[in-house]
Amino acid sequence: MTIDPENTVVKLCAEGMNLEVSGDKKLAHQKFQEAWNLAGDDYEAFIAAHYLARHQETPEDNLRWNLESLNRALNLKSQQIGNLLPSLYLNLGKSYENLAQKEEAVKYYTLAEESCGHLGSGPYAEMIRSGISHGLKRMGIEKNRIEVLDKLIDRWCERKDLRPLSFVLPAYLGYHDTDRNPLISALGYLNAARCLNPEEQGLIDNIISELSGS
């Protein structure tokens, strides 16, 4: 879905985000509430609810607004919301995690992971994928993890090095030991790009060798 920047509700939410960045959370919340009050359809309501969820005083209210945002989005045509579902599910996973409802948190983090095929690539997509991966990890869900690669990904996230993340994360999030080829290919492309320091390049070489059984 492409968000219409000229939409009144979208403009109010953008103003609220600018106020949030400047530190005025109270006025930001007022802008988000105004956007919700003006919302005239599910499209506008899901956007306003998404931002209102950010400024709730209790985890219960945060959950309520994240549920409202998802439910309004699901009323739209599926092709309109495909690229938004990972973020919406991720938010709900975190809401349930904050309420110590592990089963529901795992459910929505998993839904977020399963819907990542809609994301495409780019900094936003990699941020969402990283959030999902860390959410599942906090829930104790370890899916075919590779310790050395986990440490490299954490390092790249810390220094906001998006290029290696864009190569590796999509394949790693869907990695299964029974089908190593997508991850091997992704690591091979990263290897060929030569965008890492010698130490990291060597670690990637080793991972490829181990996965390939060579």
C-alpha atoms as a PDB file:
ATOM      1  CA  MET A   1       0.000   0.000   0.000  1.00  0.00           C
ATOM      2  CA  THR A   2       1.151   3.539  -0.785  1.00  0.00           C
ATOM      3  CA  ILE A   3       0.240   6.022   1.949  1.00  0.00           C
ATOM      4  CA  ASP A   4      -1.319   9.195   0.544  1.00  0.00           C
ATOM      5  CA  PRO A   5       0.727  12.112   1.967  1.00  0.00           C
ATOM      6  CA  GLU A   6      -2.036  14.571   1.083  1.00  0.00           C
ATOM      7  CA  ASN A   7      -4.655  12.779   3.178  1.00  0.00           C
ATOM      8  CA  THR A   8      -5.706  14.917   6.178  1.00  0.00           C
ATOM      9  CA  VAL A   9      -5.389  12.034   8.651  1.00  0.00           C
ATOM     10  CA  VAL A  10      -1.954  11.137   7.284  1.00  0.00           C
ATOM     11  CA  LYS A  11      -0.860  14.772   7.552  1.00  0.00           C
ATOM     12  CA  LEU A  12      -1.961  14.930  11.193  1.00  0.00           C
ATOM     13  CA  CYS A  13      -0.071  11.733  11.994  1.00  0.00           C
ATOM     14  CA  ALA A  14       3.034  13.132  10.256  1.00  0.00           C
ATOM     15  CA  GLU A  15       2.728  16.299  12.362  1.00  0.00           C
ATOM     16  CA  GLY A  16       2.421  14.110  15.452  1.00  0.00           C
ATOM     17  CA  MET A  17       5.559  12.202  14.543  1.00  0.00           C
ATOM     18  CA  ASN A  18       7.492  15.443  14.085  1.00  0.00           C
ATOM     19  CA  LEU A  19       6.303  16.590  17.514  1.00  0.00           C
ATOM     20  CA  GLU A  20       7.292  13.248  18.995  1.00  0.00           C
ATOM     21  CA  VAL A  21      10.798  13.580  17.556  1.00  0.00           C
ATOM     22  CA  SER A  22      11.071  17.061  19.058  1.00  0.00           C
ATOM     23  CA  GLY A  23      10.079  15.677  22.469  1.00  0.00           C
ATOM     24  CA  ASP A  24       6.517  17.005  22.763  1.00  0.00           C
ATOM     25  CA  LYS A  25       4.732  13.679  23.292  1.00  0.00           C
ATOM     26  CA  LYS A  26       1.621  15.272  24.791  1.00  0.00           C
ATOM     27  CA  LEU A  27       0.942  17.408  21.733  1.00  0.00           C
ATOM     28  CA  ALA A  28       1.882  14.490  19.489  1.00  0.00           C
ATOM     29  CA  HIS A  29      -0.782  12.387  21.182  1.00  0.00           C
ATOM     30  CA  GLN A  30      -3.311  15.169  20.623  1.00  0.00           C
ATOM     31  CA  LYS A  31      -2.527  15.135  16.892  1.00  0.00           C
ATOM     32  CA  PHE A  32      -2.966  11.348  16.730  1.00  0.00           C
ATOM     33  CA  GLN A  33      -6.255  11.600  18.643  1.00  0.00           C
ATOM     34  CA  GLU A  34      -7.436  14.318  16.274  1.00  0.00           C
ATOM     35  CA  ALA A  35      -6.550  12.057  13.351  1.00  0.00           C
ATOM     36  CA  TRP A  36      -8.608   9.241  14.882  1.00  0.00           C
ATOM     37  CA  ASN A  37     -11.566  11.567  15.458  1.00  0.00           C
ATOM     38  CA  LEU A  38     -11.467  12.643  11.798  1.00  0.00           C
ATOM     39  CA  ALA A  39     -10.991   9.144  10.355  1.00  0.00           C
ATOM     40  CA  GLY A  40     -13.830   8.483   7.942  1.00  0.00           C
ATOM     41  CA  ASP A  41     -13.006   4.981   6.684  1.00  0.00           C
ATOM     42  CA  ASP A  42     -10.960   1.884   7.537  1.00  0.00           C
ATOM     43  CA  TYR A  43      -7.914   3.191   5.672  1.00  0.00           C
ATOM     44  CA  GLU A  44      -7.747   6.356   7.768  1.00  0.00           C
ATOM     45  CA  ALA A  45      -8.746   4.553  10.965  1.00  0.00           C
ATOM     46  CA  PHE A  46      -5.997   1.924  10.773  1.00  0.00           C
ATOM     47  CA  ILE A  47      -3.360   4.632  10.284  1.00  0.00           C
ATOM     48  CA  ALA A  48      -4.621   6.765  13.171  1.00  0.00           C
ATOM     49  CA  ALA A  49      -4.976   3.753  15.480  1.00  0.00           C
ATOM     50  CA  HIS A  50      -1.435   2.647  14.636  1.00  0.00           C
ATOM     51  CA  TYR A  51      -0.036   5.954  15.862  1.00  0.00           C
ATOM     52  CA  LEU A  52      -2.390   6.228  18.843  1.00  0.00           C
ATOM     53  CA  ALA A  53      -1.060   2.895  20.094  1.00  0.00           C
ATOM     54  CA  ARG A  54       2.358   4.499  20.536  1.00  0.00           C
ATOM     55  CA  HIS A  55       1.150   6.911  23.208  1.00  0.00           C
ATOM     56  CA  GLN A  56      -0.933   4.838  25.589  1.00  0.00           C
ATOM     57  CA  GLU A  57      -0.233   4.857  29.313  1.00  0.00           C
ATOM     58  CA  THR A  58      -0.941   1.171  29.887  1.00  0.00           C
ATOM     59  CA  PRO A  59       0.097  -1.955  27.950  1.00  0.00           C
ATOM     60  CA  GLU A  60      -3.587  -2.945  27.843  1.00  0.00           C
ATOM     61  CA  ASP A  61      -4.501   0.244  25.969  1.00  0.00           C
ATOM     62  CA  ASN A  62      -1.488  -0.178  23.700  1.00  0.00           C
ATOM     63  CA  LEU A  63      -2.774  -3.657  22.818  1.00  0.00           C
ATOM     64  CA  ARG A  64      -6.301  -2.366  22.254  1.00  0.00           C
ATOM     65  CA  TRP A  65      -5.184   0.230  19.731  1.00  0.00           C
ATOM     66  CA  ASN A  66      -2.823  -2.158  17.940  1.00  0.00           C
ATOM     67  CA  LEU A  67      -5.715  -4.619  17.605  1.00  0.00           C
ATOM     68  CA  GLU A  68      -7.910  -1.808  16.305  1.00  0.00           C
ATOM     69  CA  SER A  69      -5.286  -0.896  13.722  1.00  0.00           C
ATOM     70  CA  LEU A  70      -4.909  -4.494  12.511  1.00  0.00           C
ATOM     71  CA  ASN A  71      -8.656  -5.133  12.376  1.00  0.00           C
ATOM     72  CA  ARG A  72      -9.269  -1.965  10.370  1.00  0.00           C
ATOM     73  CA  ALA A  73      -6.446  -2.867   7.994  1.00  0.00           C
ATOM     74  CA  LEU A  74      -7.852  -6.371   7.486  1.00  0.00           C
ATOM     75  CA  ASN A  75     -11.098  -4.790   6.303  1.00  0.00           C
ATOM     76  CA  LEU A  76      -9.195  -3.423   3.311  1.00  0.00           C
ATOM     77  CA  LYS A  77      -8.408  -5.431   0.200  1.00  0.00           C
ATOM     78  CA  SER A  78      -5.589  -7.909   0.742  1.00  0.00           C
ATOM     79  CA  GLN A  79      -3.457  -6.435  -2.045  1.00  0.00           C
ATOM     80  CA  GLN A  80      -3.659  -3.054  -0.313  1.00  0.00           C
ATOM     81  CA  ILE A  81      -2.170  -4.148   2.998  1.00  0.00           C
ATOM     82  CA  GLY A  82       0.280  -6.958   2.152  1.00  0.00           C
ATOM     83  CA  ASN A  83       3.413  -4.903   2.814  1.00  0.00           C
ATOM     84  CA  LEU A  84       1.933  -3.525   6.060  1.00  0.00           C
ATOM     85  CA  LEU A  85       1.010  -6.824   7.707  1.00  0.00           C
ATOM     86  CA  PRO A  86       4.498  -7.668   9.021  1.00  0.00           C
ATOM     87  CA  SER A  87       4.642  -4.364  10.907  1.00  0.00           C
ATOM     88  CA  LEU A  88       1.084  -4.680  12.246  1.00  0.00           C
ATOM     89  CA  TYR A  89       1.695  -8.238  13.440  1.00  0.00           C
ATOM     90  CA  LEU A  90       5.048  -7.232  14.920  1.00  0.00           C
ATOM     91  CA  ASN A  91       3.383  -4.477  16.955  1.00  0.00           C
ATOM     92  CA  LEU A  92       0.833  -6.935  18.305  1.00  0.00           C
ATOM     93  CA  GLY A  93       3.539  -9.425  19.176  1.00  0.00           C
ATOM     94  CA  LYS A  94       5.289  -6.755  21.251  1.00  0.00           C
ATOM     95  CA  SER A  95       1.997  -5.720  22.879  1.00  0.00           C
ATOM     96  CA  TYR A  96       1.332  -9.272  24.046  1.00  0.00           C
ATOM     97  CA  GLU A  97       4.965  -9.671  25.089  1.00  0.00           C
ATOM     98  CA  ASN A  98       4.653  -6.582  27.281  1.00  0.00           C
ATOM     99  CA  LEU A  99       1.607  -8.183  28.894  1.00  0.00           C
ATOM    100  CA  ALA A 100       3.551 -11.413  29.493  1.00  0.00           C
ATOM    101  CA  GLN A 101       1.116 -13.320  27.250  1.00  0.00           C
ATOM    102  CA  LYS A 102       3.759 -15.478  25.615  1.00  0.00           C
ATOM    103  CA  GLU A 103       1.462 -17.718  23.567  1.00  0.00           C
ATOM    104  CA  GLU A 104      -0.215 -14.756  21.869  1.00  0.00           C
ATOM    105  CA  ALA A 105       3.132 -12.990  21.435  1.00  0.00           C
ATOM    106  CA  VAL A 106       4.603 -16.030  19.676  1.00  0.00           C
ATOM    107  CA  LYS A 107       1.475 -16.279  17.506  1.00  0.00           C
ATOM    108  CA  TYR A 108       1.785 -12.730  16.203  1.00  0.00           C
ATOM    109  CA  TYR A 109       5.573 -12.729  15.874  1.00  0.00           C
ATOM    110  CA  THR A 110       5.174 -15.899  13.804  1.00  0.00           C
ATOM    111  CA  LEU A 111       2.453 -14.307  11.666  1.00  0.00           C
ATOM    112  CA  ALA A 112       4.777 -11.360  11.149  1.00  0.00           C
ATOM    113  CA  GLU A 113       7.577 -13.672  10.036  1.00  0.00           C
ATOM    114  CA  GLU A 114       5.283 -15.602   7.690  1.00  0.00           C
ATOM    115  CA  SER A 115       4.069 -12.392   6.029  1.00  0.00           C
ATOM    116  CA  CYS A 116       7.582 -11.024   5.364  1.00  0.00           C
ATOM    117  CA  GLY A 117       7.421 -12.087   1.738  1.00  0.00           C
ATOM    118  CA  HIS A 118       5.358  -8.954   1.110  1.00  0.00           C
ATOM    119  CA  LEU A 119       8.034  -6.618   2.452  1.00  0.00           C
ATOM    120  CA  GLY A 120      10.508  -6.395  -0.382  1.00  0.00           C
ATOM    121  CA  SER A 121      13.873  -4.855   0.448  1.00  0.00           C
ATOM    122  CA  GLY A 122      15.289  -1.628   1.840  1.00  0.00           C
ATOM    123  CA  PRO A 123      16.014  -0.121   5.268  1.00  0.00           C
ATOM    124  CA  TYR A 124      12.380  -0.234   6.463  1.00  0.00           C
ATOM    125  CA  ALA A 125      11.990  -3.879   5.467  1.00  0.00           C
ATOM    126  CA  GLU A 126      15.213  -4.876   7.191  1.00  0.00           C
ATOM    127  CA  MET A 127      14.205  -2.993  10.359  1.00  0.00           C
ATOM    128  CA  ILE A 128      10.923  -4.937  10.475  1.00  0.00           C
ATOM    129  CA  ARG A 129      12.649  -8.259   9.794  1.00  0.00           C
ATOM    130  CA  SER A 130      15.180  -7.546  12.530  1.00  0.00           C
ATOM    131  CA  GLY A 131      12.383  -6.663  14.989  1.00  0.00           C
ATOM    132  CA  ILE A 132      10.593  -9.926  14.219  1.00  0.00           C
ATOM    133  CA  SER A 133      13.757 -11.969  14.595  1.00  0.00           C
ATOM    134  CA  HIS A 134      14.574 -10.388  17.955  1.00  0.00           C
ATOM    135  CA  GLY A 135      10.974 -10.794  19.134  1.00  0.00           C
ATOM    136  CA  LEU A 136      11.013 -14.523  18.399  1.00  0.00           C
ATOM    137  CA  LYS A 137      14.399 -14.801  20.055  1.00  0.00           C
ATOM    138  CA  ARG A 138      13.093 -13.146  23.231  1.00  0.00           C
ATOM    139  CA  MET A 139      10.252 -15.677  23.220  1.00  0.00           C
ATOM    140  CA  GLY A 140      12.783 -18.503  23.120  1.00  0.00           C
ATOM    141  CA  ILE A 141      11.993 -19.445  19.531  1.00  0.00           C
ATOM    142  CA  GLU A 142      15.258 -20.443  17.938  1.00  0.00           C
ATOM    143  CA  LYS A 143      14.853 -21.640  14.362  1.00  0.00           C
ATOM    144  CA  ASN A 144      17.975 -23.203  12.939  1.00  0.00           C
ATOM    145  CA  ARG A 145      20.213 -20.523  14.368  1.00  0.00           C
ATOM    146  CA  ILE A 146      23.839 -20.096  13.295  1.00  0.00           C
ATOM    147  CA  GLU A 147      25.662 -18.551  16.240  1.00  0.00           C
ATOM    148  CA  VAL A 148      28.433 -16.865  14.261  1.00  0.00           C
ATOM    149  CA  LEU A 149      25.934 -15.369  11.815  1.00  0.00           C
ATOM    150  CA  ASP A 150      23.730 -14.176  14.695  1.00  0.00           C
ATOM    151  CA  LYS A 151      26.698 -12.295  16.139  1.00  0.00           C
ATOM    152  CA  LEU A 152      27.525 -10.769  12.756  1.00  0.00           C
ATOM    153  CA  ILE A 153      23.915  -9.625  12.288  1.00  0.00           C
ATOM    154  CA  ASP A 154      23.910  -8.063  15.775  1.00  0.00           C
ATOM    155  CA  ARG A 155      27.145  -6.268  14.864  1.00  0.00           C
ATOM    156  CA  TRP A 156      25.713  -4.961  11.578  1.00  0.00           C
ATOM    157  CA  CYS A 157      22.555  -3.789  13.351  1.00  0.00           C
ATOM    158  CA  GLU A 158      24.596  -1.918  15.963  1.00  0.00           C
ATOM    159  CA  ARG A 159      26.541  -0.008  13.336  1.00  0.00           C
ATOM    160  CA  LYS A 160      23.449   0.322  11.059  1.00  0.00           C
ATOM    161  CA  ASP A 161      25.247  -1.373   8.199  1.00  0.00           C
ATOM    162  CA  LEU A 162      22.279  -1.974   5.922  1.00  0.00           C
ATOM    163  CA  ARG A 163      24.052  -3.528   2.969  1.00  0.00           C
ATOM    164  CA  PRO A 164      25.017  -6.873   4.543  1.00  0.00           C
ATOM    165  CA  LEU A 165      21.683  -6.964   6.366  1.00  0.00           C
ATOM    166  CA  SER A 166      19.812  -6.573   3.072  1.00  0.00           C
ATOM    167  CA  PHE A 167      21.721  -9.525   1.608  1.00  0.00           C
ATOM    168  CA  VAL A 168      21.364 -11.889   4.556  1.00  0.00           C
ATOM    169  CA  LEU A 169      18.232 -11.215   6.627  1.00  0.00           C
ATOM    170  CA  PRO A 170      15.512 -12.213   4.129  1.00  0.00           C
ATOM    171  CA  ALA A 171      17.124 -15.607   3.528  1.00  0.00           C
ATOM    172  CA  TYR A 172      18.099 -16.155   7.163  1.00  0.00           C
ATOM    173  CA  LEU A 173      14.620 -15.449   8.537  1.00  0.00           C
ATOM    174  CA  GLY A 174      13.255 -18.222   6.332  1.00  0.00           C
ATOM    175  CA  TYR A 175      16.217 -20.546   6.823  1.00  0.00           C
ATOM    176  CA  HIS A 176      15.576 -24.246   7.353  1.00  0.00           C
ATOM    177  CA  ASP A 177      18.299 -26.834   7.717  1.00  0.00           C
ATOM    178  CA  THR A 178      16.528 -29.012   5.141  1.00  0.00           C
ATOM    179  CA  ASP A 179      16.957 -26.317   2.474  1.00  0.00           C
ATOM    180  CA  ARG A 180      20.207 -24.418   2.897  1.00  0.00           C
ATOM    181  CA  ASN A 181      20.501 -23.184  -0.681  1.00  0.00           C
ATOM    182  CA  PRO A 182      18.713 -19.782  -0.326  1.00  0.00           C
ATOM    183  CA  LEU A 183      20.966 -18.818   2.596  1.00  0.00           C
ATOM    184  CA  ILE A 184      24.093 -20.116   0.870  1.00  0.00           C
ATOM    185  CA  SER A 185      23.187 -18.043  -2.208  1.00  0.00           C
ATOM    186  CA  ALA A 186      22.571 -14.915  -0.112  1.00  0.00           C
ATOM    187  CA  LEU A 187      25.888 -15.313   1.677  1.00  0.00           C
ATOM    188  CA  GLY A 188      27.562 -15.900  -1.675  1.00  0.00           C
ATOM    189  CA  TYR A 189      26.177 -12.612  -3.031  1.00  0.00           C
ATOM    190  CA  LEU A 190      27.368 -10.854   0.130  1.00  0.00           C
ATOM    191  CA  ASN A 191      30.775 -12.460  -0.265  1.00  0.00           C
ATOM    192  CA  ALA A 192      31.016 -11.286  -3.878  1.00  0.00           C
ATOM    193  CA  ALA A 193      30.022  -7.723  -2.914  1.00  0.00           C
ATOM    194  CA  ARG A 194      33.229  -7.390  -0.828  1.00  0.00           C
ATOM    195  CA  CYS A 195      31.619  -4.831   1.480  1.00  0.00           C
ATOM    196  CA  LEU A 196      32.910  -6.355   4.742  1.00  0.00           C
ATOM    197  CA  ASN A 197      36.179  -6.028   6.597  1.00  0.00           C
ATOM    198  CA  PRO A 198      38.667  -8.931   6.257  1.00  0.00           C
ATOM    199  CA  GLU A 199      37.659 -10.546   9.556  1.00  0.00           C
ATOM    200  CA  GLU A 200      33.949 -10.588   8.666  1.00  0.00           C
ATOM    201  CA  GLN A 201      34.712 -11.694   5.117  1.00  0.00           C
ATOM    202  CA  GLY A 202      36.585 -14.666   6.541  1.00  0.00           C
ATOM    203  CA  LEU A 203      33.710 -15.561   8.854  1.00  0.00           C
ATOM    204  CA  ILE A 204      31.273 -15.492   5.938  1.00  0.00           C
ATOM    205  CA  ASP A 205      33.621 -17.758   3.937  1.00  0.00           C
ATOM    206  CA  ASN A 206      33.647 -20.208   6.847  1.00  0.00           C
ATOM    207  CA  ILE A 207      29.854 -20.195   7.179  1.00  0.00           C
ATOM    208  CA  ILE A 208      29.430 -20.875   3.458  1.00  0.00           C
ATOM    209  CA  SER A 209      31.892 -23.767   3.663  1.00  0.00           C
ATOM    210  CA  GLU A 210      30.128 -25.309   6.657  1.00  0.00           C
ATOM    211  CA  LEU A 211      26.671 -24.957   5.100  1.00  0.00           C
ATOM    212  CA  SER A 212      27.919 -26.412   1.835  1.00  0.00           C
ATOM    213  CA  GLY A 213      29.559 -29.304   3.605  1.00  0.00           C
ATOM    214  CA  SER A 214      32.893 -28.528   2.013  1.00  0.00           C
END
